[in-house]
Amino acid sequence: MKLTDKKPSVMGFNNDAYLQYLILRYILNSDDPKWESLRWTNTEEISAETWIALHNTAKNDVENQGGTLTAYEFVNNELVIHEKINSNAWPTNWMWVIES
């Protein structure tokens, strides 16, 4: 029997899809009381601070399982890689990639 290397799985999200992923994974399908109050909140009413906290939770989860969660954006026709969010505002023009 021949063993082969496991190929990583990759998921890419635009901003809207990534926000939906965070909602499904951490708000609607979680027993964490920290997110329970957000179940009935309109997505436009969720603060940037909360989105960043959800993202940091997702990043921790992915990295604890041996994967990576990275963001990309185009700036002046150059692809810029972001390892973390360095502001208090939600970056609306980034693409998110989860590799596990």
C-alpha atoms as a PDB file:
ATOM      1  CA  MET A   1       0.000   0.000   0.000  1.00  0.00           C
ATOM      2  CA  LYS A   2       1.399   3.370  -1.014  1.00  0.00           C
ATOM      3  CA  LEU A   3       1.028   6.278   1.383  1.00  0.00           C
ATOM      4  CA  THR A   4       0.555   9.690  -0.153  1.00  0.00           C
ATOM      5  CA  ASP A   5       0.918  13.063   1.433  1.00  0.00           C
ATOM      6  CA  LYS A   6      -2.339  14.612   2.512  1.00  0.00           C
ATOM      7  CA  LYS A   7      -3.145  17.602   0.351  1.00  0.00           C
ATOM      8  CA  PRO A   8      -4.379  20.659   2.199  1.00  0.00           C
ATOM      9  CA  SER A   9      -7.911  21.859   1.692  1.00  0.00           C
ATOM     10  CA  VAL A  10      -8.369  25.518   0.866  1.00  0.00           C
ATOM     11  CA  MET A  11     -11.437  27.718   1.136  1.00  0.00           C
ATOM     12  CA  GLY A  12     -11.518  31.259  -0.201  1.00  0.00           C
ATOM     13  CA  PHE A  13     -14.096  33.874   0.728  1.00  0.00           C
ATOM     14  CA  ASN A  14     -14.919  37.372  -0.385  1.00  0.00           C
ATOM     15  CA  ASN A  15     -15.880  39.713   2.462  1.00  0.00           C
ATOM     16  CA  ASP A  16     -19.616  38.939   2.440  1.00  0.00           C
ATOM     17  CA  ALA A  17     -19.069  35.177   2.285  1.00  0.00           C
ATOM     18  CA  TYR A  18     -16.528  35.335   5.121  1.00  0.00           C
ATOM     19  CA  LEU A  19     -18.973  37.246   7.324  1.00  0.00           C
ATOM     20  CA  GLN A  20     -21.611  34.594   6.583  1.00  0.00           C
ATOM     21  CA  TYR A  21     -19.076  31.882   7.480  1.00  0.00           C
ATOM     22  CA  LEU A  22     -18.414  33.602  10.816  1.00  0.00           C
ATOM     23  CA  ILE A  23     -22.153  33.872  11.482  1.00  0.00           C
ATOM     24  CA  LEU A  24     -22.805  30.220  10.687  1.00  0.00           C
ATOM     25  CA  ARG A  25     -19.766  28.866  12.509  1.00  0.00           C
ATOM     26  CA  TYR A  26     -19.686  31.024  15.621  1.00  0.00           C
ATOM     27  CA  ILE A  27     -23.109  32.562  16.123  1.00  0.00           C
ATOM     28  CA  LEU A  28     -25.761  30.168  14.800  1.00  0.00           C
ATOM     29  CA  ASN A  29     -23.981  26.854  15.443  1.00  0.00           C
ATOM     30  CA  SER A  30     -22.221  27.620  18.680  1.00  0.00           C
ATOM     31  CA  ASP A  31     -23.119  27.003  22.288  1.00  0.00           C
ATOM     32  CA  ASP A  32     -20.779  29.801  23.404  1.00  0.00           C
ATOM     33  CA  PRO A  33     -22.890  32.269  25.436  1.00  0.00           C
ATOM     34  CA  LYS A  34     -20.571  35.069  24.301  1.00  0.00           C
ATOM     35  CA  TRP A  35     -22.135  34.895  20.821  1.00  0.00           C
ATOM     36  CA  GLU A  36     -25.677  33.847  21.800  1.00  0.00           C
ATOM     37  CA  SER A  37     -26.975  37.412  22.046  1.00  0.00           C
ATOM     38  CA  LEU A  38     -26.038  37.978  18.382  1.00  0.00           C
ATOM     39  CA  ARG A  39     -28.336  35.253  17.025  1.00  0.00           C
ATOM     40  CA  TRP A  40     -31.189  37.670  16.424  1.00  0.00           C
ATOM     41  CA  THR A  41     -29.078  40.706  15.520  1.00  0.00           C
ATOM     42  CA  ASN A  42     -29.067  42.042  11.975  1.00  0.00           C
ATOM     43  CA  THR A  43     -25.577  41.709  10.444  1.00  0.00           C
ATOM     44  CA  GLU A  44     -25.452  45.460   9.747  1.00  0.00           C
ATOM     45  CA  GLU A  45     -25.876  46.077  13.471  1.00  0.00           C
ATOM     46  CA  ILE A  46     -22.876  43.957  14.495  1.00  0.00           C
ATOM     47  CA  SER A  47     -19.960  46.205  15.410  1.00  0.00           C
ATOM     48  CA  ALA A  48     -16.531  46.063  13.784  1.00  0.00           C
ATOM     49  CA  GLU A  49     -15.123  45.141  17.194  1.00  0.00           C
ATOM     50  CA  THR A  50     -17.387  42.065  17.320  1.00  0.00           C
ATOM     51  CA  TRP A  51     -16.515  41.023  13.750  1.00  0.00           C
ATOM     52  CA  ILE A  52     -12.825  41.275  14.636  1.00  0.00           C
ATOM     53  CA  ALA A  53     -13.400  39.180  17.786  1.00  0.00           C
ATOM     54  CA  LEU A  54     -15.217  36.554  15.686  1.00  0.00           C
ATOM     55  CA  HIS A  55     -12.364  36.587  13.170  1.00  0.00           C
ATOM     56  CA  ASN A  56      -9.763  36.188  15.928  1.00  0.00           C
ATOM     57  CA  THR A  57     -11.724  33.227  17.299  1.00  0.00           C
ATOM     58  CA  ALA A  58     -11.816  31.649  13.839  1.00  0.00           C
ATOM     59  CA  LYS A  59      -8.099  32.292  13.322  1.00  0.00           C
ATOM     60  CA  ASN A  60      -7.294  30.642  16.668  1.00  0.00           C
ATOM     61  CA  ASP A  61      -9.457  27.636  15.832  1.00  0.00           C
ATOM     62  CA  VAL A  62      -7.889  27.172  12.395  1.00  0.00           C
ATOM     63  CA  GLU A  63      -4.333  27.556  13.722  1.00  0.00           C
ATOM     64  CA  ASN A  64      -4.983  25.171  16.635  1.00  0.00           C
ATOM     65  CA  GLN A  65      -5.918  22.566  14.025  1.00  0.00           C
ATOM     66  CA  GLY A  66      -2.669  23.168  12.123  1.00  0.00           C
ATOM     67  CA  GLY A  67      -4.079  25.441   9.428  1.00  0.00           C
ATOM     68  CA  THR A  68      -3.791  29.078   8.477  1.00  0.00           C
ATOM     69  CA  LEU A  69      -6.267  31.903   7.992  1.00  0.00           C
ATOM     70  CA  THR A  70      -4.844  34.680   5.865  1.00  0.00           C
ATOM     71  CA  ALA A  71      -6.292  37.782   4.248  1.00  0.00           C
ATOM     72  CA  TYR A  72      -5.337  39.315   0.921  1.00  0.00           C
ATOM     73  CA  GLU A  73      -6.077  42.620  -0.756  1.00  0.00           C
ATOM     74  CA  PHE A  74      -5.023  44.458  -3.864  1.00  0.00           C
ATOM     75  CA  VAL A  75      -3.324  47.795  -3.259  1.00  0.00           C
ATOM     76  CA  ASN A  76      -2.128  49.717  -6.325  1.00  0.00           C
ATOM     77  CA  ASN A  77      -2.256  46.498  -8.398  1.00  0.00           C
ATOM     78  CA  GLU A  78      -0.138  44.610  -5.863  1.00  0.00           C
ATOM     79  CA  LEU A  79      -1.339  41.693  -3.771  1.00  0.00           C
ATOM     80  CA  VAL A  80      -0.812  42.443  -0.074  1.00  0.00           C
ATOM     81  CA  ILE A  81      -0.948  39.645   2.508  1.00  0.00           C
ATOM     82  CA  HIS A  82      -2.371  40.325   5.964  1.00  0.00           C
ATOM     83  CA  GLU A  83      -1.713  37.989   8.874  1.00  0.00           C
ATOM     84  CA  LYS A  84      -3.965  39.971  11.233  1.00  0.00           C
ATOM     85  CA  ILE A  85      -6.271  42.958  11.410  1.00  0.00           C
ATOM     86  CA  ASN A  86      -4.268  45.978  12.573  1.00  0.00           C
ATOM     87  CA  SER A  87      -7.072  48.457  13.122  1.00  0.00           C
ATOM     88  CA  ASN A  88     -10.420  48.875  14.843  1.00  0.00           C
ATOM     89  CA  ALA A  89     -12.270  48.934  11.525  1.00  0.00           C
ATOM     90  CA  TRP A  90     -13.457  45.875   9.639  1.00  0.00           C
ATOM     91  CA  PRO A  91     -11.526  45.526   6.341  1.00  0.00           C
ATOM     92  CA  THR A  92     -14.325  45.287   3.767  1.00  0.00           C
ATOM     93  CA  ASN A  93     -12.146  44.779   0.688  1.00  0.00           C
ATOM     94  CA  TRP A  94     -10.083  41.779   1.776  1.00  0.00           C
ATOM     95  CA  MET A  95     -10.285  38.213   0.516  1.00  0.00           C
ATOM     96  CA  TRP A  96     -10.025  35.536   3.184  1.00  0.00           C
ATOM     97  CA  VAL A  97      -8.363  32.153   2.718  1.00  0.00           C
ATOM     98  CA  ILE A  98      -8.510  29.231   5.137  1.00  0.00           C
ATOM     99  CA  GLU A  99      -6.022  26.431   4.535  1.00  0.00           C
ATOM    100  CA  SER A 100      -6.200  23.286   6.631  1.00  0.00           C
END
